[in-house]
Amino acid sequence: MKRLHVHVSVEDLSHSIGFYSALFASQPSVVKSDYAKWMLEDPRVNFAISTRGRAVGLDHLGIQVETGDELQEVYARLRQAGGSVIEQGQTTCCYATSEKSWIDDPAGIAWETFHTTGESTNYGDGSGENTARVAHEKQETQSACCTPQTAPAVSRACC
């Protein structure tokens, strides 16, 4: 069975743990000095926060699987979706060992697909995600000369 993964970069880990623990009515299953994770069943999501991201806000999305066969199924979907798939293979990330691949969606949001195989005592270096983001940025730069420029979006307060 697959599980949606959401990773959010936060400024204040302790404050954010309090907020999300109340929102999910659950304490995190993993807490480190720079990272926390909830493995929720309702909704079925692996929700992680960290102070290690680039900017505060959504860092990346993903699909976590429970078996190697499910991982191969999702990898096939990535290839069908198009774009540059970065096959990272076995790696250490987010205090876990996993096999994973990365792809950026058309909006530039990084998606990881992964099968966690164990725990780790270190966070990892983030090299696979960084490679996926750099590959996407290169594609945008190469095609930018032929793309009409749009006016910047106007920021509006919500509600």
N, C-alpha and C. Protein backbone atom coordinates (compact mmCIF):
# COMPACT_ATOMS: atom_id res chain seq x y z
N MET A 1 0.85 -1.18 0.00
CA MET A 1 0.00 0.00 0.00
C MET A 1 0.88 1.23 0.00
N LYS A 2 0.51 2.18 -0.79
CA LYS A 2 1.29 3.40 -0.93
C LYS A 2 0.85 4.46 0.08
N ARG A 3 1.76 5.40 0.33
CA ARG A 3 1.50 6.46 1.29
C ARG A 3 2.00 7.77 0.70
N LEU A 4 1.19 8.81 0.76
CA LEU A 4 1.62 10.13 0.32
C LEU A 4 2.67 10.65 1.29
N HIS A 5 3.67 11.33 0.75
CA HIS A 5 4.72 11.94 1.57
C HIS A 5 4.71 13.44 1.33
N VAL A 6 4.74 14.20 2.40
CA VAL A 6 4.81 15.66 2.33
C VAL A 6 5.95 16.09 3.24
N HIS A 7 6.85 16.93 2.73
CA HIS A 7 7.95 17.45 3.54
C HIS A 7 7.89 18.98 3.51
N VAL A 8 7.80 19.57 4.68
CA VAL A 8 7.69 21.02 4.82
C VAL A 8 8.91 21.53 5.56
N SER A 9 9.51 22.58 5.05
CA SER A 9 10.61 23.25 5.74
C SER A 9 10.01 24.25 6.72
N VAL A 10 10.52 24.24 7.93
CA VAL A 10 9.99 25.13 8.97
C VAL A 10 11.12 25.95 9.58
N GLU A 11 10.75 27.05 10.19
CA GLU A 11 11.73 27.90 10.83
C GLU A 11 11.98 27.48 12.28
N ASP A 12 10.90 27.15 13.00
CA ASP A 12 10.98 26.80 14.42
C ASP A 12 10.43 25.40 14.61
N LEU A 13 11.32 24.43 14.76
CA LEU A 13 10.92 23.03 14.83
C LEU A 13 10.00 22.76 16.02
N SER A 14 10.36 23.24 17.18
CA SER A 14 9.57 22.97 18.37
C SER A 14 8.14 23.52 18.25
N HIS A 15 8.02 24.74 17.80
CA HIS A 15 6.71 25.35 17.60
C HIS A 15 5.90 24.57 16.56
N SER A 16 6.55 24.17 15.48
CA SER A 16 5.87 23.43 14.42
C SER A 16 5.46 22.03 14.88
N ILE A 17 6.28 21.38 15.70
CA ILE A 17 5.89 20.07 16.26
C ILE A 17 4.62 20.23 17.08
N GLY A 18 4.54 21.28 17.88
CA GLY A 18 3.33 21.53 18.67
C GLY A 18 2.11 21.74 17.78
N PHE A 19 2.27 22.54 16.74
CA PHE A 19 1.16 22.81 15.83
C PHE A 19 0.68 21.54 15.14
N TYR A 20 1.60 20.81 14.51
CA TYR A 20 1.20 19.62 13.75
C TYR A 20 0.73 18.49 14.66
N SER A 21 1.27 18.39 15.86
CA SER A 21 0.79 17.38 16.81
C SER A 21 -0.67 17.64 17.17
N ALA A 22 -1.02 18.90 17.36
CA ALA A 22 -2.42 19.25 17.62
C ALA A 22 -3.29 19.00 16.40
N LEU A 23 -2.82 19.41 15.23
CA LEU A 23 -3.58 19.23 14.00
C LEU A 23 -3.86 17.76 13.71
N PHE A 24 -2.85 16.91 13.91
CA PHE A 24 -2.99 15.49 13.62
C PHE A 24 -3.48 14.67 14.81
N ALA A 25 -3.60 15.30 15.98
CA ALA A 25 -3.98 14.60 17.22
C ALA A 25 -3.04 13.42 17.46
N SER A 26 -1.75 13.66 17.22
CA SER A 26 -0.75 12.60 17.32
C SER A 26 0.62 13.22 17.49
N GLN A 27 1.44 12.56 18.29
CA GLN A 27 2.83 12.98 18.43
C GLN A 27 3.65 12.39 17.28
N PRO A 28 4.76 13.03 16.91
CA PRO A 28 5.59 12.49 15.83
C PRO A 28 6.19 11.13 16.21
N SER A 29 6.40 10.30 15.20
CA SER A 29 7.03 9.00 15.43
C SER A 29 8.55 9.10 15.46
N VAL A 30 9.09 10.17 14.87
CA VAL A 30 10.53 10.42 14.87
C VAL A 30 10.74 11.90 15.21
N VAL A 31 11.63 12.17 16.16
CA VAL A 31 12.01 13.55 16.47
C VAL A 31 13.52 13.60 16.60
N LYS A 32 14.13 14.48 15.83
CA LYS A 32 15.57 14.74 15.90
C LYS A 32 15.74 16.24 16.14
N SER A 33 16.96 16.71 16.27
CA SER A 33 17.20 18.13 16.55
C SER A 33 16.78 19.03 15.39
N ASP A 34 16.70 18.48 14.17
CA ASP A 34 16.38 19.28 12.99
C ASP A 34 15.26 18.69 12.15
N TYR A 35 14.51 17.71 12.70
CA TYR A 35 13.58 16.93 11.87
C TYR A 35 12.52 16.26 12.75
N ALA A 36 11.32 16.15 12.22
CA ALA A 36 10.26 15.37 12.88
C ALA A 36 9.40 14.74 11.80
N LYS A 37 8.82 13.56 12.13
CA LYS A 37 8.00 12.85 11.15
C LYS A 37 6.82 12.19 11.83
N TRP A 38 5.66 12.29 11.17
CA TRP A 38 4.44 11.62 11.59
C TRP A 38 4.11 10.58 10.53
N MET A 39 3.90 9.33 10.93
CA MET A 39 3.45 8.28 10.01
C MET A 39 1.96 8.06 10.32
N LEU A 40 1.13 8.82 9.64
CA LEU A 40 -0.30 8.84 9.93
C LEU A 40 -1.04 7.78 9.11
N GLU A 41 -2.11 7.25 9.70
CA GLU A 41 -2.95 6.30 9.00
C GLU A 41 -4.23 6.94 8.48
N ASP A 42 -4.63 8.06 9.08
CA ASP A 42 -5.87 8.73 8.65
C ASP A 42 -5.66 10.23 8.71
N PRO A 43 -5.27 10.87 7.61
CA PRO A 43 -5.05 10.30 6.28
C PRO A 43 -3.72 9.55 6.23
N ARG A 44 -3.60 8.63 5.31
CA ARG A 44 -2.39 7.81 5.17
C ARG A 44 -1.29 8.65 4.53
N VAL A 45 -0.46 9.24 5.39
CA VAL A 45 0.58 10.15 4.91
C VAL A 45 1.81 10.06 5.80
N ASN A 46 2.96 10.21 5.18
CA ASN A 46 4.24 10.37 5.86
C ASN A 46 4.50 11.87 5.81
N PHE A 47 4.24 12.56 6.91
CA PHE A 47 4.37 14.01 6.96
C PHE A 47 5.61 14.35 7.75
N ALA A 48 6.55 15.05 7.12
CA ALA A 48 7.82 15.38 7.76
C ALA A 48 8.05 16.89 7.73
N ILE A 49 8.72 17.37 8.77
CA ILE A 49 9.14 18.77 8.82
C ILE A 49 10.63 18.81 9.17
N SER A 50 11.30 19.84 8.71
CA SER A 50 12.71 19.98 9.08
C SER A 50 13.13 21.44 8.96
N THR A 51 14.24 21.73 9.57
CA THR A 51 14.85 23.06 9.46
C THR A 51 15.97 23.03 8.44
N ARG A 52 16.05 21.98 7.63
CA ARG A 52 17.16 21.78 6.70
C ARG A 52 16.83 22.20 5.27
N GLY A 53 15.63 22.65 5.00
CA GLY A 53 15.21 22.99 3.65
C GLY A 53 15.73 24.34 3.21
N ARG A 54 15.41 24.68 1.98
CA ARG A 54 15.84 25.95 1.43
C ARG A 54 15.01 27.09 2.02
N ALA A 55 13.78 27.21 1.64
CA ALA A 55 12.92 28.28 2.14
C ALA A 55 11.81 27.65 2.97
N VAL A 56 11.29 28.40 3.92
CA VAL A 56 10.19 27.91 4.74
C VAL A 56 8.98 27.67 3.83
N GLY A 57 8.33 26.53 3.98
CA GLY A 57 7.17 26.18 3.18
C GLY A 57 7.31 24.78 2.61
N LEU A 58 6.51 24.46 1.61
CA LEU A 58 6.55 23.14 1.00
C LEU A 58 7.94 22.87 0.43
N ASP A 59 8.55 21.78 0.83
CA ASP A 59 9.87 21.42 0.34
C ASP A 59 9.75 20.44 -0.82
N HIS A 60 9.03 19.33 -0.61
CA HIS A 60 8.80 18.38 -1.69
C HIS A 60 7.66 17.45 -1.32
N LEU A 61 7.16 16.73 -2.32
CA LEU A 61 6.11 15.73 -2.14
C LEU A 61 6.68 14.38 -2.55
N GLY A 62 5.96 13.32 -2.23
CA GLY A 62 6.45 12.02 -2.64
C GLY A 62 5.43 10.93 -2.49
N ILE A 63 5.83 9.76 -2.95
CA ILE A 63 5.04 8.54 -2.78
C ILE A 63 5.95 7.51 -2.15
N GLN A 64 5.57 7.06 -0.96
CA GLN A 64 6.32 6.03 -0.25
C GLN A 64 5.62 4.70 -0.47
N VAL A 65 6.38 3.66 -0.76
CA VAL A 65 5.81 2.34 -0.99
C VAL A 65 6.32 1.37 0.07
N GLU A 66 5.67 0.21 0.15
CA GLU A 66 6.05 -0.77 1.17
C GLU A 66 6.86 -1.94 0.62
N THR A 67 6.89 -2.11 -0.71
CA THR A 67 7.61 -3.24 -1.29
C THR A 67 8.41 -2.80 -2.52
N GLY A 68 9.37 -3.63 -2.87
CA GLY A 68 10.14 -3.38 -4.08
C GLY A 68 9.28 -3.44 -5.34
N ASP A 69 8.29 -4.34 -5.36
CA ASP A 69 7.40 -4.43 -6.52
C ASP A 69 6.59 -3.14 -6.69
N GLU A 70 6.08 -2.59 -5.57
CA GLU A 70 5.35 -1.32 -5.65
C GLU A 70 6.27 -0.21 -6.14
N LEU A 71 7.54 -0.23 -5.72
CA LEU A 71 8.48 0.79 -6.16
C LEU A 71 8.68 0.72 -7.67
N GLN A 72 8.82 -0.49 -8.21
CA GLN A 72 8.99 -0.64 -9.66
C GLN A 72 7.74 -0.15 -10.40
N GLU A 73 6.56 -0.38 -9.82
CA GLU A 73 5.31 0.11 -10.41
C GLU A 73 5.30 1.64 -10.48
N VAL A 74 5.71 2.29 -9.39
CA VAL A 74 5.72 3.74 -9.36
C VAL A 74 6.82 4.29 -10.28
N TYR A 75 7.97 3.62 -10.34
CA TYR A 75 9.03 4.03 -11.26
C TYR A 75 8.52 4.03 -12.70
N ALA A 76 7.73 3.01 -13.07
CA ALA A 76 7.16 2.96 -14.42
C ALA A 76 6.25 4.16 -14.66
N ARG A 77 5.51 4.56 -13.65
CA ARG A 77 4.64 5.74 -13.77
C ARG A 77 5.47 7.00 -13.98
N LEU A 78 6.59 7.10 -13.29
CA LEU A 78 7.47 8.27 -13.47
C LEU A 78 7.93 8.37 -14.92
N ARG A 79 8.33 7.25 -15.48
CA ARG A 79 8.79 7.25 -16.86
C ARG A 79 7.66 7.67 -17.81
N GLN A 80 6.44 7.24 -17.53
CA GLN A 80 5.29 7.62 -18.35
C GLN A 80 4.97 9.11 -18.22
N ALA A 81 5.21 9.66 -17.04
CA ALA A 81 4.89 11.07 -16.79
C ALA A 81 5.79 12.00 -17.60
N GLY A 82 6.96 11.52 -17.97
CA GLY A 82 7.89 12.35 -18.74
C GLY A 82 8.77 13.17 -17.82
N GLY A 83 9.72 13.85 -18.42
CA GLY A 83 10.66 14.63 -17.63
C GLY A 83 11.89 13.82 -17.29
N SER A 84 12.81 14.46 -16.60
CA SER A 84 14.06 13.82 -16.21
C SER A 84 13.90 13.11 -14.88
N VAL A 85 14.01 11.80 -14.90
CA VAL A 85 13.96 11.00 -13.68
C VAL A 85 15.39 10.84 -13.18
N ILE A 86 15.62 11.23 -11.95
CA ILE A 86 16.93 11.06 -11.32
C ILE A 86 16.85 9.82 -10.45
N GLU A 87 17.49 8.75 -10.89
CA GLU A 87 17.48 7.50 -10.14
C GLU A 87 18.62 7.53 -9.13
N GLN A 88 18.25 7.76 -7.89
CA GLN A 88 19.26 7.89 -6.84
C GLN A 88 19.71 6.53 -6.33
N GLY A 89 18.85 5.53 -6.38
CA GLY A 89 19.21 4.20 -5.87
C GLY A 89 19.22 4.19 -4.36
N GLN A 90 20.06 3.33 -3.78
CA GLN A 90 20.16 3.22 -2.32
C GLN A 90 20.82 4.48 -1.76
N THR A 91 20.20 5.04 -0.71
CA THR A 91 20.71 6.28 -0.14
C THR A 91 20.28 6.40 1.31
N THR A 92 20.87 7.37 1.97
CA THR A 92 20.46 7.74 3.32
C THR A 92 19.87 9.13 3.25
N CYS A 93 18.65 9.28 3.75
CA CYS A 93 17.96 10.56 3.74
C CYS A 93 16.93 10.58 4.85
N CYS A 94 16.81 11.70 5.52
CA CYS A 94 15.79 11.88 6.56
C CYS A 94 15.87 10.81 7.64
N TYR A 95 17.09 10.49 8.05
CA TYR A 95 17.35 9.51 9.10
C TYR A 95 16.84 8.12 8.75
N ALA A 96 16.82 7.79 7.45
CA ALA A 96 16.38 6.47 7.00
C ALA A 96 17.21 6.05 5.79
N THR A 97 17.31 4.73 5.59
CA THR A 97 17.92 4.21 4.37
C THR A 97 16.79 3.83 3.42
N SER A 98 16.96 4.19 2.17
CA SER A 98 15.89 3.99 1.18
C SER A 98 16.48 3.80 -0.20
N GLU A 99 15.65 3.26 -1.09
CA GLU A 99 15.93 3.33 -2.52
C GLU A 99 14.95 4.36 -3.05
N LYS A 100 15.44 5.29 -3.88
CA LYS A 100 14.55 6.34 -4.35
C LYS A 100 14.95 6.92 -5.69
N SER A 101 13.96 7.57 -6.29
CA SER A 101 14.14 8.36 -7.50
C SER A 101 13.42 9.68 -7.32
N TRP A 102 13.82 10.66 -8.13
CA TRP A 102 13.25 12.01 -8.07
C TRP A 102 12.79 12.46 -9.45
N ILE A 103 11.77 13.30 -9.48
CA ILE A 103 11.33 13.95 -10.70
C ILE A 103 10.70 15.27 -10.30
N ASP A 104 10.80 16.26 -11.15
CA ASP A 104 10.10 17.53 -10.91
C ASP A 104 8.84 17.54 -11.75
N ASP A 105 7.73 17.99 -11.16
CA ASP A 105 6.49 18.09 -11.93
C ASP A 105 6.55 19.35 -12.80
N PRO A 106 5.57 19.56 -13.67
CA PRO A 106 5.62 20.72 -14.56
C PRO A 106 5.68 22.07 -13.84
N ALA A 107 5.21 22.12 -12.59
CA ALA A 107 5.27 23.37 -11.82
C ALA A 107 6.61 23.54 -11.11
N GLY A 108 7.50 22.54 -11.22
CA GLY A 108 8.81 22.63 -10.58
C GLY A 108 8.86 22.06 -9.18
N ILE A 109 7.80 21.39 -8.74
CA ILE A 109 7.79 20.78 -7.41
C ILE A 109 8.49 19.43 -7.49
N ALA A 110 9.46 19.23 -6.61
CA ALA A 110 10.19 17.96 -6.58
C ALA A 110 9.31 16.88 -5.97
N TRP A 111 9.27 15.71 -6.63
CA TRP A 111 8.58 14.52 -6.14
C TRP A 111 9.61 13.42 -5.97
N GLU A 112 9.55 12.75 -4.83
CA GLU A 112 10.40 11.59 -4.64
C GLU A 112 9.52 10.35 -4.56
N THR A 113 10.03 9.25 -5.07
CA THR A 113 9.38 7.96 -4.91
C THR A 113 10.39 7.09 -4.18
N PHE A 114 9.94 6.41 -3.12
CA PHE A 114 10.93 5.71 -2.32
C PHE A 114 10.35 4.53 -1.56
N HIS A 115 11.27 3.60 -1.24
CA HIS A 115 10.98 2.45 -0.40
C HIS A 115 11.99 2.49 0.75
N THR A 116 11.52 2.70 1.95
CA THR A 116 12.39 2.78 3.12
C THR A 116 12.75 1.37 3.56
N THR A 117 14.06 1.15 3.75
CA THR A 117 14.53 -0.18 4.12
C THR A 117 15.12 -0.25 5.52
N GLY A 118 15.30 0.90 6.18
CA GLY A 118 15.86 0.89 7.53
C GLY A 118 16.02 2.29 8.09
N GLU A 119 16.55 2.35 9.29
CA GLU A 119 16.80 3.62 9.96
C GLU A 119 18.27 3.99 9.83
N SER A 120 18.56 5.27 10.06
CA SER A 120 19.93 5.77 10.02
C SER A 120 20.12 6.75 11.18
N THR A 121 21.35 6.86 11.64
CA THR A 121 21.64 7.82 12.71
C THR A 121 21.97 9.20 12.18
N ASN A 122 22.13 9.33 10.83
CA ASN A 122 22.37 10.67 10.27
C ASN A 122 21.30 11.01 9.24
N TYR A 123 21.15 12.30 8.98
CA TYR A 123 20.11 12.80 8.10
C TYR A 123 20.36 12.41 6.64
N GLY A 124 21.60 12.43 6.20
CA GLY A 124 21.93 12.21 4.79
C GLY A 124 22.27 13.55 4.14
N ASP A 125 22.74 13.48 2.89
CA ASP A 125 23.24 14.71 2.26
C ASP A 125 22.27 15.35 1.27
N GLY A 126 21.15 14.71 0.97
CA GLY A 126 20.16 15.32 0.06
C GLY A 126 20.61 15.39 -1.39
N SER A 127 21.63 14.62 -1.77
CA SER A 127 22.20 14.75 -3.11
C SER A 127 21.22 14.41 -4.22
N GLY A 128 20.35 13.43 -4.05
CA GLY A 128 19.41 13.06 -5.11
C GLY A 128 18.41 14.16 -5.39
N GLU A 129 17.85 14.72 -4.34
CA GLU A 129 16.90 15.82 -4.53
C GLU A 129 17.60 17.02 -5.13
N ASN A 130 18.79 17.33 -4.66
CA ASN A 130 19.53 18.47 -5.20
C ASN A 130 19.81 18.27 -6.69
N THR A 131 20.17 17.07 -7.10
CA THR A 131 20.43 16.77 -8.51
C THR A 131 19.16 16.97 -9.33
N ALA A 132 18.01 16.50 -8.80
CA ALA A 132 16.74 16.65 -9.52
C ALA A 132 16.40 18.12 -9.69
N ARG A 133 16.59 18.91 -8.66
CA ARG A 133 16.27 20.34 -8.74
C ARG A 133 17.21 21.06 -9.71
N VAL A 134 18.49 20.71 -9.69
CA VAL A 134 19.45 21.34 -10.60
C VAL A 134 19.12 20.97 -12.05
N ALA A 135 18.76 19.69 -12.29
CA ALA A 135 18.39 19.27 -13.65
C ALA A 135 17.18 20.04 -14.15
N HIS A 136 16.20 20.23 -13.28
CA HIS A 136 14.99 20.97 -13.67
C HIS A 136 15.34 22.43 -13.96
N GLU A 137 16.17 23.04 -13.12
CA GLU A 137 16.55 24.44 -13.33
C GLU A 137 17.31 24.61 -14.65
N LYS A 138 18.16 23.65 -15.01
CA LYS A 138 18.88 23.72 -16.28
C LYS A 138 17.90 23.66 -17.45
N GLN A 139 16.89 22.78 -17.35
CA GLN A 139 15.89 22.68 -18.42
C GLN A 139 15.15 24.00 -18.56
N GLU A 140 14.78 24.62 -17.45
CA GLU A 140 14.07 25.90 -17.51
C GLU A 140 14.94 26.98 -18.13
N THR A 141 16.21 27.02 -17.76
CA THR A 141 17.12 28.03 -18.28
C THR A 141 17.32 27.85 -19.78
N GLN A 142 17.46 26.60 -20.23
CA GLN A 142 17.68 26.35 -21.64
C GLN A 142 16.47 26.71 -22.48
N SER A 143 15.25 26.56 -21.93
CA SER A 143 14.06 26.85 -22.72
C SER A 143 13.54 28.27 -22.49
N ALA A 144 14.12 28.98 -21.55
CA ALA A 144 13.61 30.31 -21.19
C ALA A 144 13.72 31.30 -22.34
N CYS A 145 14.71 31.16 -23.21
CA CYS A 145 14.89 32.13 -24.29
C CYS A 145 13.74 32.08 -25.29
N CYS A 146 13.05 30.98 -25.36
CA CYS A 146 11.96 30.82 -26.33
C CYS A 146 10.59 30.91 -25.70
N THR A 147 10.52 31.18 -24.44
CA THR A 147 9.25 31.22 -23.73
C THR A 147 8.84 32.66 -23.51
N PRO A 148 7.60 33.02 -23.84
CA PRO A 148 7.15 34.39 -23.59
C PRO A 148 7.24 34.72 -22.10
N GLN A 149 7.67 35.90 -21.79
CA GLN A 149 7.74 36.33 -20.41
C GLN A 149 6.36 36.73 -19.92
N THR A 150 6.02 36.33 -18.71
CA THR A 150 4.73 36.69 -18.14
C THR A 150 4.95 37.72 -17.05
N ALA A 151 3.91 38.47 -16.79
CA ALA A 151 3.99 39.46 -15.72
C ALA A 151 4.08 38.75 -14.38
N PRO A 152 4.82 39.32 -13.42
CA PRO A 152 4.90 38.68 -12.11
C PRO A 152 3.53 38.61 -11.47
N ALA A 153 3.31 37.54 -10.72
CA ALA A 153 2.04 37.37 -10.01
C ALA A 153 1.91 38.40 -8.91
N VAL A 154 0.71 38.89 -8.71
CA VAL A 154 0.46 39.85 -7.65
C VAL A 154 0.10 39.07 -6.40
N SER A 155 0.80 39.36 -5.33
CA SER A 155 0.53 38.69 -4.07
C SER A 155 -0.66 39.34 -3.37
N ARG A 156 -1.60 38.51 -2.96
CA ARG A 156 -2.78 39.03 -2.26
C ARG A 156 -2.91 38.33 -0.93
N ALA A 157 -3.38 39.05 0.05
CA ALA A 157 -3.63 38.45 1.35
C ALA A 157 -4.83 37.52 1.22
N CYS A 158 -4.79 36.44 1.92
CA CYS A 158 -5.89 35.48 1.87
C CYS A 158 -6.85 35.72 3.02
N CYS A 159 -8.12 35.59 2.75
CA CYS A 159 -9.19 35.62 3.76
C CYS A 159 -9.21 36.90 4.54
